[in-house]
Amino acid sequence: MPRYRPHVAARPSWRCRVCGAAWPCSPARLALLGEYREDRTAMLFYLGTLLGEAMSDLATLHDGVAPPDLTARFVTWARAR
């Protein structure tokens, strides 16, 4: 029986350790939505914290400039619809 491997970020690249996609990848987003289904606000605070960490890590890797799409990647998708 295959064992589930959580889709978590590899730092400092912020790529998924399982699928290699930019984190949060689709499976990570689904897992976060399930985990925080009762408290979307808490999820947004959590993702906002990770956004700050990713900005710092990625800026270090990219000559002091973080990629411009990080807010959409980390937070915008998770807003209430």
PDB file of N, CA and C in Angstrom:
ATOM      1  N   MET A   1       0.846  -1.171   0.000  1.00  0.00           N
ATOM      2  CA  MET A   1       0.000   0.000   0.000  1.00  0.00           C
ATOM      3  C   MET A   1       0.897   1.243   0.000  1.00  0.00           C
ATOM      4  N   PRO A   2       0.700   2.165  -0.954  1.00  0.00           N
ATOM      5  CA  PRO A   2       1.519   3.376  -0.981  1.00  0.00           C
ATOM      6  C   PRO A   2       1.235   4.250   0.241  1.00  0.00           C
ATOM      7  N   ARG A   3       2.269   4.847   0.735  1.00  0.00           N
ATOM      8  CA  ARG A   3       2.156   5.715   1.900  1.00  0.00           C
ATOM      9  C   ARG A   3       2.026   7.162   1.438  1.00  0.00           C
ATOM     10  N   TYR A   4       1.107   7.923   2.042  1.00  0.00           N
ATOM     11  CA  TYR A   4       0.915   9.320   1.679  1.00  0.00           C
ATOM     12  C   TYR A   4       2.114  10.134   2.154  1.00  0.00           C
ATOM     13  N   ARG A   5       2.638  10.950   1.263  1.00  0.00           N
ATOM     14  CA  ARG A   5       3.729  11.853   1.617  1.00  0.00           C
ATOM     15  C   ARG A   5       3.194  13.276   1.537  1.00  0.00           C
ATOM     16  N   PRO A   6       3.220  14.008   2.633  1.00  0.00           N
ATOM     17  CA  PRO A   6       2.696  15.376   2.598  1.00  0.00           C
ATOM     18  C   PRO A   6       3.518  16.266   1.674  1.00  0.00           C
ATOM     19  N   HIS A   7       2.833  17.120   0.970  1.00  0.00           N
ATOM     20  CA  HIS A   7       3.469  18.053   0.040  1.00  0.00           C
ATOM     21  C   HIS A   7       3.893  19.285   0.836  1.00  0.00           C
ATOM     22  N   VAL A   8       5.143  19.292   1.267  1.00  0.00           N
ATOM     23  CA  VAL A   8       5.689  20.383   2.084  1.00  0.00           C
ATOM     24  C   VAL A   8       6.796  21.094   1.321  1.00  0.00           C
ATOM     25  N   ALA A   9       7.075  22.300   1.743  1.00  0.00           N
ATOM     26  CA  ALA A   9       8.075  23.125   1.060  1.00  0.00           C
ATOM     27  C   ALA A   9       9.495  22.742   1.453  1.00  0.00           C
ATOM     28  N   ALA A  10      10.369  22.745   0.466  1.00  0.00           N
ATOM     29  CA  ALA A  10      11.808  22.609   0.691  1.00  0.00           C
ATOM     30  C   ALA A  10      12.369  24.026   0.699  1.00  0.00           C
ATOM     31  N   ARG A  11      12.974  24.387   1.792  1.00  0.00           N
ATOM     32  CA  ARG A  11      13.544  25.727   1.890  1.00  0.00           C
ATOM     33  C   ARG A  11      15.029  25.676   1.604  1.00  0.00           C
ATOM     34  N   PRO A  12      15.574  26.665   0.980  1.00  0.00           N
ATOM     35  CA  PRO A  12      15.059  28.005   0.709  1.00  0.00           C
ATOM     36  C   PRO A  12      14.400  28.156  -0.657  1.00  0.00           C
ATOM     37  N   SER A  13      14.238  27.082  -1.428  1.00  0.00           N
ATOM     38  CA  SER A  13      13.710  27.219  -2.787  1.00  0.00           C
ATOM     39  C   SER A  13      12.189  27.345  -2.833  1.00  0.00           C
ATOM     40  N   TRP A  14      11.513  26.886  -1.783  1.00  0.00           N
ATOM     41  CA  TRP A  14      10.054  26.898  -1.720  1.00  0.00           C
ATOM     42  C   TRP A  14       9.453  26.104  -2.878  1.00  0.00           C
ATOM     43  N   ARG A  15      10.090  24.964  -3.196  1.00  0.00           N
ATOM     44  CA  ARG A  15       9.547  23.992  -4.136  1.00  0.00           C
ATOM     45  C   ARG A  15       9.032  22.825  -3.293  1.00  0.00           C
ATOM     46  N   CYS A  16       8.026  22.133  -3.777  1.00  0.00           N
ATOM     47  CA  CYS A  16       7.460  21.000  -3.053  1.00  0.00           C
ATOM     48  C   CYS A  16       8.470  19.857  -3.002  1.00  0.00           C
ATOM     49  N   ARG A  17       8.625  19.271  -1.826  1.00  0.00           N
ATOM     50  CA  ARG A  17       9.558  18.151  -1.659  1.00  0.00           C
ATOM     51  C   ARG A  17       9.081  16.886  -2.385  1.00  0.00           C
ATOM     52  N   VAL A  18       7.784  16.775  -2.655  1.00  0.00           N
ATOM     53  CA  VAL A  18       7.241  15.572  -3.280  1.00  0.00           C
ATOM     54  C   VAL A  18       7.155  15.717  -4.797  1.00  0.00           C
ATOM     55  N   CYS A  19       6.525  16.795  -5.277  1.00  0.00           N
ATOM     56  CA  CYS A  19       6.272  16.911  -6.718  1.00  0.00           C
ATOM     57  C   CYS A  19       7.166  17.930  -7.422  1.00  0.00           C
ATOM     58  N   GLY A  20       7.882  18.746  -6.667  1.00  0.00           N
ATOM     59  CA  GLY A  20       8.806  19.712  -7.247  1.00  0.00           C
ATOM     60  C   GLY A  20       8.172  20.992  -7.760  1.00  0.00           C
ATOM     61  N   ALA A  21       6.848  21.121  -7.650  1.00  0.00           N
ATOM     62  CA  ALA A  21       6.162  22.337  -8.098  1.00  0.00           C
ATOM     63  C   ALA A  21       6.390  23.466  -7.100  1.00  0.00           C
ATOM     64  N   ALA A  22       6.134  24.685  -7.548  1.00  0.00           N
ATOM     65  CA  ALA A  22       6.211  25.823  -6.638  1.00  0.00           C
ATOM     66  C   ALA A  22       5.218  25.590  -5.495  1.00  0.00           C
ATOM     67  N   TRP A  23       5.701  25.766  -4.265  1.00  0.00           N
ATOM     68  CA  TRP A  23       4.847  25.526  -3.096  1.00  0.00           C
ATOM     69  C   TRP A  23       4.135  26.809  -2.715  1.00  0.00           C
ATOM     70  N   PRO A  24       2.864  26.764  -2.336  1.00  0.00           N
ATOM     71  CA  PRO A  24       2.052  25.574  -2.161  1.00  0.00           C
ATOM     72  C   PRO A  24       1.520  25.037  -3.485  1.00  0.00           C
ATOM     73  N   CYS A  25       1.828  23.791  -3.753  1.00  0.00           N
ATOM     74  CA  CYS A  25       1.368  23.107  -4.965  1.00  0.00           C
ATOM     75  C   CYS A  25      -0.118  22.753  -4.785  1.00  0.00           C
ATOM     76  N   SER A  26      -0.727  22.242  -5.808  1.00  0.00           N
ATOM     77  CA  SER A  26      -2.160  21.908  -5.732  1.00  0.00           C
ATOM     78  C   SER A  26      -2.488  20.925  -4.601  1.00  0.00           C
ATOM     79  N   PRO A  27      -1.725  19.837  -4.432  1.00  0.00           N
ATOM     80  CA  PRO A  27      -2.032  18.938  -3.317  1.00  0.00           C
ATOM     81  C   PRO A  27      -1.859  19.622  -1.947  1.00  0.00           C
ATOM     82  N   ALA A  28      -0.871  20.501  -1.825  1.00  0.00           N
ATOM     83  CA  ALA A  28      -0.681  21.223  -0.559  1.00  0.00           C
ATOM     84  C   ALA A  28      -1.850  22.169  -0.307  1.00  0.00           C
ATOM     85  N   ARG A  29      -2.328  22.840  -1.348  1.00  0.00           N
ATOM     86  CA  ARG A  29      -3.480  23.739  -1.198  1.00  0.00           C
ATOM     87  C   ARG A  29      -4.716  22.961  -0.751  1.00  0.00           C
ATOM     88  N   LEU A  30      -4.952  21.821  -1.379  1.00  0.00           N
ATOM     89  CA  LEU A  30      -6.097  21.002  -0.973  1.00  0.00           C
ATOM     90  C   LEU A  30      -5.976  20.554   0.480  1.00  0.00           C
ATOM     91  N   ALA A  31      -4.783  20.153   0.878  1.00  0.00           N
ATOM     92  CA  ALA A  31      -4.568  19.728   2.267  1.00  0.00           C
ATOM     93  C   ALA A  31      -4.785  20.893   3.232  1.00  0.00           C
ATOM     94  N   LEU A  32      -4.295  22.081   2.877  1.00  0.00           N
ATOM     95  CA  LEU A  32      -4.493  23.258   3.732  1.00  0.00           C
ATOM     96  C   LEU A  32      -5.971  23.620   3.842  1.00  0.00           C
ATOM     97  N   LEU A  33      -6.690  23.572   2.729  1.00  0.00           N
ATOM     98  CA  LEU A  33      -8.126  23.869   2.767  1.00  0.00           C
ATOM     99  C   LEU A  33      -8.860  22.876   3.663  1.00  0.00           C
ATOM    100  N   GLY A  34      -8.468  21.626   3.618  1.00  0.00           N
ATOM    101  CA  GLY A  34      -9.082  20.629   4.491  1.00  0.00           C
ATOM    102  C   GLY A  34      -8.729  20.859   5.952  1.00  0.00           C
ATOM    103  N   GLU A  35      -7.468  21.133   6.203  1.00  0.00           N
ATOM    104  CA  GLU A  35      -7.005  21.334   7.582  1.00  0.00           C
ATOM    105  C   GLU A  35      -7.633  22.565   8.220  1.00  0.00           C
ATOM    106  N   TYR A  36      -7.810  23.612   7.436  1.00  0.00           N
ATOM    107  CA  TYR A  36      -8.321  24.877   7.957  1.00  0.00           C
ATOM    108  C   TYR A  36      -9.770  25.141   7.521  1.00  0.00           C
ATOM    109  N   ARG A  37     -10.520  24.104   7.190  1.00  0.00           N
ATOM    110  CA  ARG A  37     -11.874  24.301   6.663  1.00  0.00           C
ATOM    111  C   ARG A  37     -12.784  25.049   7.629  1.00  0.00           C
ATOM    112  N   GLU A  38     -12.514  24.967   8.906  1.00  0.00           N
ATOM    113  CA  GLU A  38     -13.335  25.659   9.907  1.00  0.00           C
ATOM    114  C   GLU A  38     -12.810  27.045  10.256  1.00  0.00           C
ATOM    115  N   ASP A  39     -11.620  27.400   9.772  1.00  0.00           N
ATOM    116  CA  ASP A  39     -11.041  28.695  10.143  1.00  0.00           C
ATOM    117  C   ASP A  39     -10.151  29.231   9.026  1.00  0.00           C
ATOM    118  N   ARG A  40     -10.790  29.752   8.000  1.00  0.00           N
ATOM    119  CA  ARG A  40     -10.062  30.297   6.843  1.00  0.00           C
ATOM    120  C   ARG A  40      -9.147  31.444   7.268  1.00  0.00           C
ATOM    121  N   THR A  41      -9.569  32.255   8.251  1.00  0.00           N
ATOM    122  CA  THR A  41      -8.749  33.378   8.716  1.00  0.00           C
ATOM    123  C   THR A  41      -7.423  32.883   9.272  1.00  0.00           C
ATOM    124  N   ALA A  42      -7.452  31.811  10.054  1.00  0.00           N
ATOM    125  CA  ALA A  42      -6.216  31.252  10.609  1.00  0.00           C
ATOM    126  C   ALA A  42      -5.299  30.774   9.488  1.00  0.00           C
ATOM    127  N   MET A  43      -5.887  30.180   8.444  1.00  0.00           N
ATOM    128  CA  MET A  43      -5.075  29.730   7.321  1.00  0.00           C
ATOM    129  C   MET A  43      -4.411  30.915   6.633  1.00  0.00           C
ATOM    130  N   LEU A  44      -5.145  32.008   6.467  1.00  0.00           N
ATOM    131  CA  LEU A  44      -4.575  33.191   5.829  1.00  0.00           C
ATOM    132  C   LEU A  44      -3.443  33.786   6.661  1.00  0.00           C
ATOM    133  N   PHE A  45      -3.590  33.800   7.973  1.00  0.00           N
ATOM    134  CA  PHE A  45      -2.489  34.265   8.828  1.00  0.00           C
ATOM    135  C   PHE A  45      -1.274  33.355   8.681  1.00  0.00           C
ATOM    136  N   TYR A  46      -1.503  32.052   8.682  1.00  0.00           N
ATOM    137  CA  TYR A  46      -0.418  31.082   8.521  1.00  0.00           C
ATOM    138  C   TYR A  46       0.289  31.291   7.183  1.00  0.00           C
ATOM    139  N   LEU A  47      -0.497  31.397   6.104  1.00  0.00           N
ATOM    140  CA  LEU A  47       0.092  31.588   4.778  1.00  0.00           C
ATOM    141  C   LEU A  47       0.794  32.940   4.673  1.00  0.00           C
ATOM    142  N   GLY A  48       0.267  33.951   5.332  1.00  0.00           N
ATOM    143  CA  GLY A  48       0.930  35.254   5.338  1.00  0.00           C
ATOM    144  C   GLY A  48       2.291  35.192   6.014  1.00  0.00           C
ATOM    145  N   THR A  49       2.368  34.438   7.087  1.00  0.00           N
ATOM    146  CA  THR A  49       3.651  34.245   7.771  1.00  0.00           C
ATOM    147  C   THR A  49       4.642  33.528   6.858  1.00  0.00           C
ATOM    148  N   LEU A  50       4.169  32.475   6.198  1.00  0.00           N
ATOM    149  CA  LEU A  50       5.043  31.744   5.277  1.00  0.00           C
ATOM    150  C   LEU A  50       5.436  32.606   4.077  1.00  0.00           C
ATOM    151  N   LEU A  51       4.537  33.475   3.631  1.00  0.00           N
ATOM    152  CA  LEU A  51       4.854  34.404   2.545  1.00  0.00           C
ATOM    153  C   LEU A  51       6.047  35.274   2.918  1.00  0.00           C
ATOM    154  N   GLY A  52       6.053  35.808   4.128  1.00  0.00           N
ATOM    155  CA  GLY A  52       7.185  36.623   4.584  1.00  0.00           C
ATOM    156  C   GLY A  52       8.482  35.840   4.600  1.00  0.00           C
ATOM    157  N   GLU A  53       8.416  34.604   5.068  1.00  0.00           N
ATOM    158  CA  GLU A  53       9.611  33.759   5.101  1.00  0.00           C
ATOM    159  C   GLU A  53      10.086  33.438   3.684  1.00  0.00           C
ATOM    160  N   ALA A  54       9.140  33.148   2.793  1.00  0.00           N
ATOM    161  CA  ALA A  54       9.503  32.834   1.406  1.00  0.00           C
ATOM    162  C   ALA A  54      10.120  34.047   0.725  1.00  0.00           C
ATOM    163  N   MET A  55       9.580  35.232   0.974  1.00  0.00           N
ATOM    164  CA  MET A  55      10.140  36.451   0.371  1.00  0.00           C
ATOM    165  C   MET A  55      11.601  36.617   0.773  1.00  0.00           C
ATOM    166  N   SER A  56      11.865  36.393   2.033  1.00  0.00           N
ATOM    167  CA  SER A  56      13.232  36.520   2.531  1.00  0.00           C
ATOM    168  C   SER A  56      14.147  35.460   1.917  1.00  0.00           C
ATOM    169  N   ASP A  57      13.715  34.207   1.954  1.00  0.00           N
ATOM    170  CA  ASP A  57      14.530  33.114   1.403  1.00  0.00           C
ATOM    171  C   ASP A  57      14.790  33.306  -0.093  1.00  0.00           C
ATOM    172  N   LEU A  58      13.722  33.599  -0.842  1.00  0.00           N
ATOM    173  CA  LEU A  58      13.857  33.703  -2.293  1.00  0.00           C
ATOM    174  C   LEU A  58      14.630  34.946  -2.711  1.00  0.00           C
ATOM    175  N   ALA A  59      14.514  36.023  -1.959  1.00  0.00           N
ATOM    176  CA  ALA A  59      15.305  37.215  -2.263  1.00  0.00           C
ATOM    177  C   ALA A  59      16.794  36.910  -2.101  1.00  0.00           C
ATOM    178  N   THR A  60      17.125  36.102  -1.104  1.00  0.00           N
ATOM    179  CA  THR A  60      18.517  35.715  -0.901  1.00  0.00           C
ATOM    180  C   THR A  60      19.039  34.909  -2.094  1.00  0.00           C
ATOM    181  N   LEU A  61      18.181  34.074  -2.656  1.00  0.00           N
ATOM    182  CA  LEU A  61      18.586  33.246  -3.792  1.00  0.00           C
ATOM    183  C   LEU A  61      18.621  34.006  -5.118  1.00  0.00           C
ATOM    184  N   HIS A  62      17.877  35.111  -5.191  1.00  0.00           N
ATOM    185  CA  HIS A  62      17.721  35.827  -6.467  1.00  0.00           C
ATOM    186  C   HIS A  62      18.246  37.259  -6.387  1.00  0.00           C
ATOM    187  N   ASP A  63      19.457  37.426  -5.930  1.00  0.00           N
ATOM    188  CA  ASP A  63      20.128  38.734  -5.907  1.00  0.00           C
ATOM    189  C   ASP A  63      19.316  39.825  -5.209  1.00  0.00           C
ATOM    190  N   GLY A  64      18.661  39.472  -4.120  1.00  0.00           N
ATOM    191  CA  GLY A  64      17.955  40.457  -3.309  1.00  0.00           C
ATOM    192  C   GLY A  64      16.549  40.790  -3.753  1.00  0.00           C
ATOM    193  N   VAL A  65      16.046  40.117  -4.785  1.00  0.00           N
ATOM    194  CA  VAL A  65      14.701  40.415  -5.279  1.00  0.00           C
ATOM    195  C   VAL A  65      13.863  39.135  -5.265  1.00  0.00           C
ATOM    196  N   ALA A  66      12.755  39.179  -4.537  1.00  0.00           N
ATOM    197  CA  ALA A  66      11.848  38.033  -4.509  1.00  0.00           C
ATOM    198  C   ALA A  66      10.979  38.041  -5.759  1.00  0.00           C
ATOM    199  N   PRO A  67      10.550  36.882  -6.239  1.00  0.00           N
ATOM    200  CA  PRO A  67       9.668  36.833  -7.402  1.00  0.00           C
ATOM    201  C   PRO A  67       8.392  37.654  -7.171  1.00  0.00           C
ATOM    202  N   PRO A  68       7.869  38.309  -8.203  1.00  0.00           N
ATOM    203  CA  PRO A  68       6.732  39.200  -8.030  1.00  0.00           C
ATOM    204  C   PRO A  68       5.396  38.510  -7.779  1.00  0.00           C
ATOM    205  N   ASP A  69       5.280  37.224  -8.049  1.00  0.00           N
ATOM    206  CA  ASP A  69       3.994  36.535  -7.940  1.00  0.00           C
ATOM    207  C   ASP A  69       3.754  35.857  -6.592  1.00  0.00           C
ATOM    208  N   LEU A  70       4.554  36.146  -5.590  1.00  0.00           N
ATOM    209  CA  LEU A  70       4.456  35.412  -4.332  1.00  0.00           C
ATOM    210  C   LEU A  70       3.139  35.622  -3.596  1.00  0.00           C
ATOM    211  N   THR A  71       2.592  36.813  -3.635  1.00  0.00           N
ATOM    212  CA  THR A  71       1.329  37.045  -2.925  1.00  0.00           C
ATOM    213  C   THR A  71       0.228  36.175  -3.520  1.00  0.00           C
ATOM    214  N   ALA A  72       0.138  36.125  -4.838  1.00  0.00           N
ATOM    215  CA  ALA A  72      -0.872  35.268  -5.477  1.00  0.00           C
ATOM    216  C   ALA A  72      -0.601  33.805  -5.153  1.00  0.00           C
ATOM    217  N   ARG A  73       0.642  33.439  -5.172  1.00  0.00           N
ATOM    218  CA  ARG A  73       1.030  32.047  -4.930  1.00  0.00           C
ATOM    219  C   ARG A  73       0.701  31.599  -3.505  1.00  0.00           C
ATOM    220  N   PHE A  74       0.897  32.486  -2.531  1.00  0.00           N
ATOM    221  CA  PHE A  74       0.715  32.097  -1.138  1.00  0.00           C
ATOM    222  C   PHE A  74      -0.635  32.461  -0.546  1.00  0.00           C
ATOM    223  N   VAL A  75      -1.209  33.592  -0.935  1.00  0.00           N
ATOM    224  CA  VAL A  75      -2.373  34.094  -0.210  1.00  0.00           C
ATOM    225  C   VAL A  75      -3.633  34.258  -1.061  1.00  0.00           C
ATOM    226  N   THR A  76      -3.513  34.850  -2.231  1.00  0.00           N
ATOM    227  CA  THR A  76      -4.690  35.225  -3.001  1.00  0.00           C
ATOM    228  C   THR A  76      -5.610  34.041  -3.286  1.00  0.00           C
ATOM    229  N   TRP A  77      -5.069  32.887  -3.592  1.00  0.00           N
ATOM    230  CA  TRP A  77      -5.878  31.710  -3.897  1.00  0.00           C
ATOM    231  C   TRP A  77      -6.720  31.276  -2.706  1.00  0.00           C
ATOM    232  N   ALA A  78      -6.304  31.617  -1.500  1.00  0.00           N
ATOM    233  CA  ALA A  78      -6.950  31.110  -0.292  1.00  0.00           C
ATOM    234  C   ALA A  78      -8.047  32.012   0.244  1.00  0.00           C
ATOM    235  N   ARG A  79      -8.225  33.168  -0.347  1.00  0.00           N
ATOM    236  CA  ARG A  79      -9.266  34.082   0.137  1.00  0.00           C
ATOM    237  C   ARG A  79     -10.634  33.451  -0.016  1.00  0.00           C
ATOM    238  N   ALA A  80     -11.547  33.879   0.859  1.00  0.00           N
ATOM    239  CA  ALA A  80     -12.934  33.410   0.757  1.00  0.00           C
ATOM    240  C   ALA A  80     -13.539  33.867  -0.558  1.00  0.00           C
ATOM    241  N   ARG A  81     -14.330  33.049  -1.161  1.00  0.00           N
ATOM    242  CA  ARG A  81     -14.960  33.377  -2.448  1.00  0.00           C
ATOM    243  C   ARG A  81     -16.367  33.860  -2.266  1.00  0.00           C
TER     244      ARG A  81
END
